[in-house]
Every structure is written in C-alpha cells, then in structure tokens.
Protein backbone atom coordinates (compact mmCIF):
# COMPACT_ATOMS: atom_id res chain seq x y z
CA MET A 1 10.97 -7.67 -31.52
CA THR A 2 7.74 -6.21 -30.11
CA LYS A 3 8.00 -5.02 -26.52
CA MET A 4 5.53 -6.30 -23.93
CA LYS A 5 3.09 -3.49 -23.04
CA ILE A 6 2.12 -3.65 -19.35
CA LEU A 7 -0.57 -1.39 -17.86
CA ILE A 8 -0.60 -1.08 -14.07
CA ILE A 9 -4.04 -0.25 -12.67
CA SER A 10 -5.57 0.45 -9.23
CA TYR A 11 -5.31 4.00 -8.02
CA HIS A 12 -1.79 5.14 -7.32
CA ASN A 13 -1.33 8.10 -5.00
CA PRO A 14 2.29 9.32 -5.08
CA PHE A 15 1.79 11.07 -1.73
CA ASN A 16 1.15 7.68 -0.14
CA LYS A 17 4.69 6.34 0.20
CA GLY A 18 3.38 2.81 0.76
CA GLU A 19 1.73 2.80 -2.65
CA ALA A 20 4.82 4.39 -4.17
CA SER A 21 7.00 1.68 -2.58
CA ILE A 22 4.88 -1.05 -4.13
CA LEU A 23 4.90 0.51 -7.59
CA HIS A 24 8.64 1.22 -7.73
CA ALA A 25 9.54 -2.27 -6.45
CA MET A 26 7.02 -3.91 -8.80
CA ILE A 27 8.40 -2.24 -11.90
CA ASP A 28 11.97 -3.03 -10.90
CA ALA A 29 11.15 -6.72 -10.29
CA ILE A 30 9.17 -7.07 -13.54
CA ASN A 31 12.00 -5.41 -15.47
CA LYS A 32 14.33 -8.13 -14.23
CA THR A 33 12.06 -10.94 -15.40
CA ILE A 34 10.62 -9.32 -18.56
CA PRO A 35 13.48 -7.16 -19.91
CA GLY A 36 12.45 -4.32 -22.17
CA ALA A 37 8.80 -4.23 -21.09
CA GLU A 38 7.00 -0.93 -21.57
CA PHE A 39 5.11 0.26 -18.49
CA THR A 40 2.14 2.58 -18.18
CA ALA A 41 0.82 3.38 -14.70
CA LEU A 42 -2.41 5.11 -13.71
CA SER A 43 -2.04 7.87 -11.13
CA LEU A 44 -4.20 10.31 -9.21
CA HIS A 45 -1.58 13.00 -9.82
CA PRO A 46 0.07 12.13 -13.16
CA GLU A 47 1.51 15.60 -13.69
CA ILE A 48 3.76 15.37 -10.60
CA ASP A 49 4.11 11.63 -10.04
CA PRO A 50 7.82 10.65 -9.79
CA ILE A 51 7.01 7.20 -11.19
CA GLY A 52 7.12 9.04 -14.53
CA ARG A 53 10.90 8.56 -14.50
CA ILE A 54 10.48 4.83 -15.15
CA ALA A 55 6.98 4.52 -16.67
CA LYS A 56 4.48 6.43 -18.74
CA VAL A 57 1.91 7.97 -16.40
CA LEU A 58 -1.76 8.56 -17.23
CA PRO A 59 -4.70 9.75 -15.12
CA THR A 60 -7.01 7.28 -13.42
CA ILE A 61 -10.58 7.00 -14.64
CA PRO A 62 -12.69 8.22 -13.01
CA PRO A 63 -10.58 10.70 -11.04
CA SER A 64 -10.76 10.87 -7.25
CA CYS A 65 -13.78 12.95 -6.27
CA PRO A 66 -14.25 13.98 -2.64
CA GLY A 67 -17.85 14.54 -1.56
CA TRP A 68 -21.09 12.97 -2.74
CA ARG A 69 -22.07 15.85 -5.03
CA ALA A 70 -18.82 15.55 -6.95
CA LYS A 71 -19.25 11.77 -7.14
CA LEU A 72 -22.76 12.17 -8.62
CA LYS A 73 -21.35 14.44 -11.33
CA VAL A 74 -18.89 11.70 -12.26
CA VAL A 75 -21.61 9.07 -12.86
CA PRO A 76 -22.43 10.22 -16.45
CA LEU A 77 -18.71 10.22 -17.25
CA ILE A 78 -18.36 6.67 -15.94
CA LEU A 79 -21.27 5.52 -18.11
CA GLN A 80 -19.76 7.33 -21.09
CA ARG A 81 -16.46 5.48 -20.60
CA ILE A 82 -18.17 2.15 -20.17
CA LEU A 83 -20.00 2.78 -23.46
CA TRP A 84 -16.65 3.54 -25.16
CA THR A 85 -15.24 0.29 -23.79
CA MET A 86 -18.24 -1.75 -24.96
CA MET A 87 -18.20 -0.24 -28.45
CA TYR A 88 -14.42 -0.65 -28.79
CA GLY A 89 -14.03 -4.04 -27.09
CA VAL A 90 -17.18 -5.83 -28.24
CA CYS A 91 -18.16 -4.12 -31.48
CA LYS A 92 -14.61 -3.16 -32.57
CA LEU A 93 -15.77 0.35 -33.41
CA ASN A 94 -13.66 3.51 -33.11
CA VAL A 95 -15.71 5.80 -30.89
CA ASP A 96 -12.98 8.16 -29.65
CA ALA A 97 -15.27 11.14 -30.14
CA LEU A 98 -17.32 9.94 -27.15
CA VAL A 99 -14.71 10.95 -24.60
CA GLU A 100 -12.37 13.87 -23.95
CA PRO A 101 -8.73 13.50 -25.14
CA GLU A 102 -7.18 12.98 -21.68
CA VAL A 103 -9.55 10.13 -20.85
CA ARG A 104 -9.20 8.74 -24.36
CA ARG A 105 -5.45 8.26 -23.82
CA THR A 106 -6.11 6.24 -20.67
CA LEU A 107 -8.80 4.12 -22.32
CA GLN A 108 -6.51 3.46 -25.28
CA ALA A 109 -3.80 2.33 -22.84
CA TYR A 110 -6.25 -0.31 -21.60
CA ALA A 111 -7.02 -1.34 -25.17
CA LYS A 112 -3.38 -1.54 -26.32
CA ALA A 113 -1.96 -3.30 -23.24
CA ASP A 114 -0.75 -6.88 -23.68
CA VAL A 115 -1.36 -7.58 -20.00
CA ILE A 116 -2.92 -5.53 -17.20
CA VAL A 117 -1.50 -5.78 -13.70
CA SER A 118 -3.54 -4.80 -10.67
CA ARG A 119 -1.08 -3.15 -8.29
CA GLY A 120 -0.65 -4.81 -4.92
CA ASN A 121 -2.45 -3.39 -1.88
CA ASP A 122 -5.87 -3.96 -0.33
CA CYS A 123 -8.22 -3.04 -3.17
CA PHE A 124 -10.89 -5.69 -2.64
CA THR A 125 -12.26 -4.75 0.78
CA ASP A 126 -15.03 -2.61 2.23
CA ALA A 127 -12.70 -1.28 4.95
CA HIS A 128 -12.06 1.95 3.00
CA GLY A 129 -15.69 2.63 2.06
CA ILE A 130 -18.00 1.94 -0.85
CA GLY A 131 -16.57 4.66 -3.12
CA ILE A 132 -13.01 3.33 -3.13
CA PHE A 133 -14.19 -0.27 -3.50
CA LEU A 134 -16.36 0.54 -6.52
CA ALA A 135 -13.54 2.57 -8.10
CA HIS A 136 -11.29 -0.50 -7.99
CA ILE A 137 -14.06 -2.75 -9.31
CA TYR A 138 -14.54 -0.26 -12.14
CA ASP A 139 -10.84 -0.46 -13.06
CA HIS A 140 -10.99 -4.25 -13.36
CA PHE A 141 -14.40 -4.19 -15.09
CA LEU A 142 -13.00 -2.07 -17.94
CA ALA A 143 -10.09 -4.47 -18.37
CA THR A 144 -12.28 -7.56 -18.57
CA MET A 145 -14.71 -5.85 -20.96
CA LEU A 146 -11.77 -5.43 -23.32
CA ASN A 147 -10.99 -9.15 -22.90
CA LYS A 148 -7.57 -8.42 -21.43
CA LYS A 149 -5.39 -10.74 -19.37
CA VAL A 150 -5.46 -9.30 -15.84
CA VAL A 151 -3.11 -10.29 -13.02
CA ILE A 152 -3.84 -9.52 -9.35
CA TYR A 153 -0.36 -8.78 -8.01
CA ALA A 154 0.45 -9.38 -4.30
CA GLN A 155 -2.77 -8.09 -2.81
CA THR A 156 -4.71 -8.46 0.43
CA ILE A 157 -8.29 -9.66 -0.06
CA GLY A 158 -10.83 -8.45 2.49
CA PRO A 159 -11.88 -7.94 5.18
CA PHE A 160 -15.59 -7.59 4.48
CA LYS A 161 -18.19 -6.59 7.06
CA ASP A 162 -20.64 -9.23 8.22
CA ASN A 163 -23.73 -7.43 6.91
CA LEU A 164 -25.71 -6.96 3.68
CA MET A 165 -23.22 -4.55 2.13
CA GLY A 166 -20.36 -6.87 3.03
CA SER A 167 -22.18 -9.74 1.30
CA ILE A 168 -22.69 -7.61 -1.81
CA PHE A 169 -19.01 -6.62 -1.85
CA ARG A 170 -17.96 -10.26 -1.47
CA PHE A 171 -20.23 -11.26 -4.35
CA LEU A 172 -18.86 -8.53 -6.66
CA THR A 173 -15.31 -9.47 -5.70
CA LYS A 174 -15.99 -13.13 -6.51
CA ILE A 175 -17.43 -12.23 -9.92
CA VAL A 176 -14.49 -10.01 -10.84
CA LEU A 177 -11.69 -12.21 -9.49
CA ASN A 178 -12.98 -15.34 -11.21
CA ARG A 179 -12.28 -13.54 -14.48
CA MET A 180 -8.62 -12.84 -13.67
CA GLU A 181 -5.72 -14.69 -15.26
CA LEU A 182 -3.64 -15.06 -12.08
CA ILE A 183 -3.95 -14.04 -8.43
CA THR A 184 -1.07 -13.62 -5.99
CA VAL A 185 -1.77 -12.60 -2.40
CA ARG A 186 0.58 -11.43 0.31
CA GLU A 187 -0.81 -13.41 3.30
CA THR A 188 -2.31 -16.86 3.84
CA ILE A 189 -5.53 -15.38 5.26
CA SER A 190 -6.24 -13.75 1.88
CA GLU A 191 -5.90 -17.13 0.16
CA LYS A 192 -8.32 -18.63 2.69
CA ILE A 193 -10.88 -15.88 2.05
CA LEU A 194 -10.64 -16.41 -1.72
CA ARG A 195 -11.29 -20.14 -1.32
CA GLU A 196 -14.23 -19.54 1.02
CA MET A 197 -15.61 -16.91 -1.36
CA GLY A 198 -15.65 -19.37 -4.24
CA VAL A 199 -12.86 -17.90 -6.39
CA THR A 200 -11.84 -21.01 -8.32
CA ARG A 201 -10.90 -20.14 -11.90
CA PRO A 202 -7.45 -18.50 -11.72
CA ALA A 203 -4.40 -19.98 -10.04
CA ILE A 204 -3.82 -18.50 -6.57
CA TYR A 205 -0.36 -18.17 -4.97
CA VAL A 206 0.72 -16.84 -1.58
CA THR A 207 3.74 -14.61 -2.18
CA ALA A 208 4.89 -11.44 -0.38
CA ASP A 209 4.46 -7.68 -0.70
CA SER A 210 6.55 -6.11 -3.48
CA ALA A 211 7.87 -3.42 -1.12
CA PHE A 212 10.15 -5.99 0.54
CA LEU A 213 12.27 -5.59 -2.62
CA LEU A 214 12.44 -1.79 -2.60
CA GLN A 215 16.01 -0.52 -2.56
CA PRO A 216 16.63 2.16 0.10
CA ALA A 217 18.32 5.44 -0.76
CA PRO A 218 22.15 5.38 -0.62
CA SER A 219 23.59 5.62 2.90
CA LYS A 220 25.24 8.97 2.12
CA ARG A 221 21.86 10.49 1.21
CA VAL A 222 20.28 9.03 4.36
CA GLU A 223 23.06 10.53 6.49
CA GLU A 224 22.41 13.93 4.88
CA ILE A 225 18.71 13.68 5.73
CA MET A 226 19.35 12.60 9.32
CA LEU A 227 21.75 15.53 9.77
CA ARG A 228 19.22 17.93 8.23
CA GLU A 229 16.49 16.66 10.57
CA GLY A 230 18.70 16.84 13.65
CA VAL A 231 18.74 13.10 14.36
CA ASN A 232 22.21 12.06 15.55
CA LYS A 233 22.77 8.33 16.00
CA LYS A 234 26.32 8.97 17.21
CA CYS A 235 25.06 10.37 20.53
CA GLY A 236 24.87 6.82 21.86
CA GLY A 237 21.20 6.47 22.77
CA PRO A 238 18.67 4.46 20.76
CA VAL A 239 16.59 6.04 18.01
CA VAL A 240 12.96 4.90 17.85
CA GLY A 241 10.67 5.78 14.95
CA ILE A 242 6.92 6.17 15.36
CA VAL A 243 4.49 6.38 12.44
CA ILE A 244 1.16 7.70 13.69
CA SER A 245 -1.78 7.89 11.30
CA THR A 246 -5.49 8.60 11.17
CA VAL A 247 -6.36 4.90 11.51
CA TYR A 248 -8.40 5.75 14.61
CA ASN A 249 -11.27 6.07 12.11
CA TYR A 250 -11.00 2.31 11.37
CA GLY A 251 -12.32 0.96 14.67
CA PHE A 252 -10.46 2.57 17.58
CA LEU A 253 -12.77 2.65 20.63
CA PRO A 254 -15.77 1.20 18.75
CA HIS A 255 -18.12 2.10 21.63
CA VAL A 256 -17.31 5.82 21.24
CA LYS A 257 -19.53 7.44 18.61
CA SER A 258 -17.97 10.91 18.47
CA SER A 259 -15.10 11.16 15.97
CA LYS A 260 -13.71 14.17 17.85
CA GLU A 261 -13.65 12.21 21.10
CA LYS A 262 -11.93 9.27 19.40
CA TYR A 263 -9.32 11.66 18.01
CA ARG A 264 -8.71 13.23 21.41
CA LYS A 265 -8.26 9.86 23.11
CA TYR A 266 -6.06 8.55 20.29
CA VAL A 267 -3.78 11.60 20.51
CA LYS A 268 -3.57 11.16 24.30
CA LEU A 269 -2.70 7.46 23.91
CA MET A 270 0.06 8.15 21.40
CA LYS A 271 1.40 10.94 23.61
CA GLU A 272 1.73 8.40 26.44
CA VAL A 273 3.59 6.04 24.11
CA VAL A 274 6.02 8.76 23.00
CA ASP A 275 6.73 9.72 26.62
CA TYR A 276 7.26 6.06 27.55
CA VAL A 277 9.80 5.54 24.75
CA ALA A 278 11.62 8.80 25.54
CA SER A 279 11.85 8.14 29.30
CA LYS A 280 11.95 4.36 29.81
CA LEU A 281 14.12 3.57 26.77
CA ASN A 282 16.03 6.88 26.99
CA ALA A 283 15.53 7.15 23.24
CA THR A 284 15.35 9.88 20.65
CA VAL A 285 11.84 9.60 19.20
CA VAL A 286 11.34 10.37 15.50
CA LEU A 287 7.76 11.07 14.43
CA LEU A 288 7.68 10.13 10.76
CA VAL A 289 5.00 10.89 8.16
CA HIS A 290 4.54 8.14 5.55
CA VAL A 291 1.40 9.50 3.87
CA SER A 292 1.28 13.19 3.00
CA SER A 293 -1.12 15.20 0.85
CA PRO A 294 -1.02 17.50 -2.18
CA PRO A 295 -0.29 21.16 -1.32
CA THR A 296 -3.97 22.08 -1.73
CA SER A 297 -5.24 19.35 0.64
CA THR A 298 -5.24 18.91 4.41
CA ASP A 299 -2.23 16.92 5.65
CA TYR A 300 -3.99 14.87 8.31
CA ASP A 301 -1.04 12.74 9.44
CA LYS A 302 1.14 15.83 9.88
CA LEU A 303 -1.58 17.54 11.90
CA LEU A 304 -1.90 14.42 14.05
CA ASN A 305 1.86 14.35 14.68
CA ARG A 306 1.75 18.03 15.61
CA ASP A 307 -1.08 17.50 18.09
CA VAL A 308 0.75 14.60 19.72
CA TYR A 309 4.00 16.58 19.88
CA GLN A 310 2.29 19.51 21.59
CA LEU A 311 1.27 17.23 24.47
CA VAL A 312 4.46 15.22 25.02
CA LYS A 313 6.47 15.79 28.18
CA TYR A 314 9.99 15.26 26.78
CA LYS A 315 9.91 17.56 23.74
CA THR A 316 13.69 17.85 23.52
CA LYS A 317 13.87 14.10 22.81
CA VAL A 318 11.30 14.18 20.00
CA LYS A 319 12.02 15.02 16.35
CA LEU A 320 9.21 15.81 13.92
CA ILE A 321 10.05 14.92 10.30
CA ASN A 322 7.54 16.75 8.12
CA ASN A 323 9.65 17.30 5.00
CA GLU A 324 8.67 15.41 1.86
CA TYR A 325 10.93 12.43 1.08
CA THR A 326 10.79 9.65 -1.50
CA CYS A 327 9.79 6.13 -0.51
CA GLN A 328 13.42 5.05 -0.96
CA GLU A 329 14.63 7.82 1.36
CA LEU A 330 12.02 6.94 3.98
CA LYS A 331 13.08 3.31 3.86
CA GLY A 332 16.68 4.39 4.38
CA ILE A 333 15.66 6.53 7.38
CA ILE A 334 13.67 3.66 8.91
CA GLY A 335 16.74 1.45 8.51
CA GLN A 336 18.55 3.72 10.98
CA PHE A 337 16.07 3.07 13.79
CA ASP A 338 16.61 0.70 16.70
CA LEU A 339 12.85 0.08 16.83
CA LEU A 340 9.80 1.12 14.81
CA ILE A 341 6.24 1.56 16.10
CA SER A 342 3.82 1.94 13.20
CA SER A 343 0.11 2.15 12.49
CA ARG A 344 0.78 2.02 8.74
CA MET A 345 1.79 -1.21 7.06
CA HIS A 346 4.52 -0.23 4.62
CA PRO A 347 6.77 1.38 7.21
CA ILE A 348 6.49 -2.04 8.93
CA ILE A 349 7.62 -3.74 5.70
CA HIS A 350 10.48 -1.26 5.29
CA ALA A 351 11.63 -1.90 8.85
CA LEU A 352 11.45 -5.69 8.57
CA SER A 353 13.41 -5.71 5.32
CA MET A 354 16.06 -3.48 6.97
CA TYR A 355 16.18 -5.88 9.99
CA VAL A 356 14.61 -3.37 12.38
CA PRO A 357 12.32 -4.71 15.19
CA VAL A 358 8.70 -3.57 14.85
CA VAL A 359 5.61 -3.10 16.98
CA GLY A 360 2.58 -2.70 14.73
CA ILE A 361 -0.94 -1.36 15.20
CA GLY A 362 -3.32 -3.25 12.92
CA TYR A 363 -6.69 -1.92 11.76
CA THR A 364 -7.25 -4.95 9.51
CA TYR A 365 -5.53 -8.32 9.46
CA LYS A 366 -2.96 -7.29 6.83
CA ALA A 367 -0.41 -6.05 9.41
CA LYS A 368 -0.73 -9.24 11.45
CA GLY A 369 -0.51 -11.33 8.27
CA ILE A 370 2.73 -9.65 7.21
CA MET A 371 4.26 -9.89 10.68
CA LYS A 372 3.24 -13.57 10.95
CA MET A 373 5.34 -14.32 7.87
CA VAL A 374 8.44 -13.37 9.87
CA GLY A 375 7.29 -14.87 13.17
CA LEU A 376 6.60 -11.52 14.85
CA ASP A 377 2.79 -11.40 14.91
CA ARG A 378 2.90 -11.31 18.74
CA PHE A 379 4.10 -7.71 18.34
CA VAL A 380 0.90 -6.50 16.64
CA CYS A 381 -1.81 -4.67 18.61
CA ASP A 382 -5.42 -4.72 17.42
CA LEU A 383 -6.65 -1.15 16.93
CA LYS A 384 -10.11 -2.05 18.28
CA THR A 385 -8.69 -3.03 21.68
CA LEU A 386 -5.64 -0.76 21.67
CA ASN A 387 -4.50 0.55 25.05
CA VAL A 388 -1.33 2.07 26.50
CA CYS A 389 -0.47 -0.90 28.73
CA GLU A 390 -0.55 -3.46 25.89
CA LEU A 391 1.34 -1.23 23.47
CA THR A 392 4.10 -0.21 25.87
CA SER A 393 4.47 -3.81 27.06
CA LYS A 394 5.06 -5.01 23.48
CA ILE A 395 7.45 -2.12 22.89
CA GLY A 396 9.48 -3.08 25.97
CA VAL A 397 9.69 -6.76 25.01
CA SER A 398 10.55 -6.02 21.38
CA TYR A 399 13.27 -3.55 22.35
CA SER A 400 14.85 -5.90 24.91
CA SER A 401 14.83 -8.68 22.27
CA ARG A 402 16.10 -6.46 19.45
CA ASP A 403 19.40 -8.26 18.86
CA LYS A 404 17.72 -11.65 18.47
CA ILE A 405 14.96 -10.16 16.30
CA ARG A 406 17.55 -8.61 13.99
CA ARG A 407 19.37 -11.95 13.62
CA ASP A 408 16.11 -13.76 12.90
CA LEU A 409 15.05 -11.16 10.33
CA ARG A 410 18.34 -11.48 8.46
CA PHE A 411 17.70 -15.21 8.17
CA ARG A 412 13.99 -15.00 7.29
CA MET A 413 14.24 -12.10 4.86
CA ARG A 414 16.00 -14.18 2.21
CA VAL A 415 12.89 -16.34 1.87
CA ILE A 416 10.53 -13.34 1.98
CA ARG A 417 12.41 -11.59 -0.82
CA GLU A 418 12.25 -14.74 -2.93
CA ARG A 419 8.49 -14.84 -2.37
CA ALA A 420 8.19 -11.17 -3.32
CA MET A 421 10.17 -11.86 -6.50
CA LEU A 422 7.88 -14.80 -7.28
CA ASN A 423 5.14 -12.30 -8.23
CA ALA A 424 7.20 -11.11 -11.20
CA LYS A 425 8.21 -14.66 -12.17
CA LEU A 426 4.57 -15.79 -12.23
CA LEU A 427 3.67 -12.75 -14.33
CA LYS A 428 6.42 -13.74 -16.75
CA ASP A 429 4.83 -17.21 -17.04
CA VAL A 430 1.55 -15.54 -18.04
CA THR A 431 3.21 -13.38 -20.69
CA SER A 432 5.26 -16.32 -22.01
CA ALA A 433 2.07 -18.37 -22.42
CA MET A 434 0.48 -15.45 -24.25
CA LYS A 435 3.41 -15.33 -26.69
CA ARG A 436 3.25 -19.09 -27.30
CA ASN A 437 -0.50 -18.95 -27.98
CA LYS A 438 -0.03 -16.03 -30.34
CA TRP A 439 2.72 -17.90 -32.19
CA GLU A 440 0.61 -21.08 -32.46
CA CYS A 441 -2.28 -19.10 -33.86
C-alpha cells in the first residue's frame, strides 16, 4: 500500500517555538487521522531542526535573506526555480540541470507530494513586511504551478493595511487562495475577511490553532528545568510568567517616529509591569524567551529581557530564563505559572491549554481572536494604545479571578481541542477523495 506523501510548506523557523509548536502538533494530529503518512517539512535551518526526528527536512526556497542587496541576488534564483517548475509541471520535462542539487531536492519534494499543507500561522498578511509576504506567496505559487492539492491549515488571514500596497496584497491573496483545495482558519475574523475578499472556491472552516494539541514535556522534566532555573513553586507565593518581545515595532506609540525612543519607552513600560507583579501580587516573576535566534544572529528578545531586568526594582524576585528549551518544555514551564502575561501568541495558547489565566498584548487581531474563543478577550490589550494602567488593571482582575478562569478553561478546552483536531480530519477527507478519484480513473 502506497503511503500518502505530505509536504508541509511555509517557512519554519525552529528557533521560533510558536512555529515549532504548530508543526509538532500538526504532524501528531495528522498521524492519528492518516496513519503511515510520510512527512517532509521545509525549514530555514534544516541541518539543526529537531522536527527531523519525525519528518524529512529540506531547505526552504528561496532561503531567508536579510538585507535588500541579498534579496536582489536571490531574484535570478527565484526565476530559475520558477522556470524549473513550469518545465516540469506544464511541459513534463526533466530539467534538473537547471538548479543546484540542494534546491532540486526541495523542488522534487513539491513534485512528488500527494498533498501540500500550508502550515498554520499568519502567512497572508502585510503585517510582517513585503518580503515575508511574497516568500509565502512564492511557496504557494510553486505548488499550484505543479497542479498540486494545497490545504491552508489553521491560519490567520490578514490584517492588510488600508492603502495601495494593502490592496495589492489582498488581491494576490485572493488569487492564490481561490486555487486552494481547502482552507481552515483559527478565528472567525479570518473567515469574515476571506468572504469580504471574494475567496469563494474552496470550502472554508473555522477551527483552532494546532498548538492547542501540543503535548507538554513530562512533569519530571519540567521539575528539573524549574529547579535548574531557580524557580521554586513550593515557596508558597504565586509564579507569574512574562513573555516580552520586540512587537513594539508593530505599532506601539504610533505617533513616535524614532525606533530607539519606542524601544526605550517599551522597556520602561514593561519594567513597571514587572515591578507591579513582584510587589502587588508578591509573585516570583519569570521572564521567558519564546523566540530565540541562531548562534550567529542577534537574540533580540533576550536582549530586551536583559534591558528590562536591569531596570526593575525587585531583582531578587525576577528570574531570567535564557536557556534554550523545546516547545514542549516551554509549554510545561508555562503550565506551572499562576498567570501569564504575553506579547507573543503561542505562549498564550500554551497557557490556555494548560488552564493558566492570561493577559495578552495584541499587535494584530489574532491574539484577541484566540482569546475570544475561550471568552477571555477582555484580557487583551491593544499594542497601539498600550499603557501601564490598562495592563496592570487587567493583570489584577485576571489574577483575582484565576480560580474561576481555570475552571472555565477546563470546560472550554475540550471543545477547542476538538476544533484543533478538525483540521486533520478535514485534511483526511481531502486525501480520501483523492484516493477515490484515482481509483475511479
């Protein structure tokens, strides 16, 4: 019996533990619905990506290229790969000599896949810049040129800016998504945007983020990590986790033009929040990094945590966790918190699925959309209007309501996990239909 070959596209960065959470949970869920499937995943760092334990890993095409000069050098390579795809997919010609061996293996994975799955996240948006948007469009363009069945798996669609570039991005998104086989989105607002955009061909379902299904590391391993990091829950006081990130670049203080000034004010704001939690809640504060960087790159979130830590008043009550941990280990750590404050979305998902109350900082509507699913959207602060008073007020209310929130999350999470699992079940329907059509032919 031939195994189903599944290629997972959209850039995967193993140092982003949110992306890693999605990919691990996706593969696990699909394995349960399509036993024996063979997985290939595209990665920015295939040589060190731990997903290689459960899937074949190949490099993305084109690779990530920081700086405009590097990006211009990639343009001829992109055209070369598009030519390969056209000659192979349309003309059925073997033109492997056109591309270097490493890229050839990735292109052949596209060509040999039975179905291509676009990994859940927020790929179709201009929030991350034109380069990242076009890279994702390129991924999907290659797949459709090869006439492959492509499934959009638990993604956020948008936002798009209300200007000319935003209109162009919306148009390109509409063209690409109308050629997909199936679309699942992780919030109702994404479904609304798709309808308004004119995406009508594929079936659209509102499901939930795959990371809700991620299994945390075993409790014994989590205890070892907490001991190593000097976080002792047995001391009696609450433990509050804070995930600070460089989201200040996504709209914090929109009237301030200087990036350095925004950074300074953002660090000062987060310092005030840490001091509030340490003093008013009498809590141990854990500053957690959820997105790190390769050894040769600048670790911006770690630097941000360091700068906040240097300013805080109650340093003895603050723990910096800078060691590298897997997404499963980080989820286990978050499960030990009495409250989480996060400006990144997947720590929010980890907390909710471990029944931990959350206060979120949203730079797009995805955080609010996820929190709305569990009835906690009132605990999301908009980055554009973020201030200490609003954030500390929500922290105080969430903490005082923590027992009720935990009970509610235990009840709601059963439905959310079913919705997350629905992504894999809908994918199975697509592959089953493919098998029937092949048999009929």
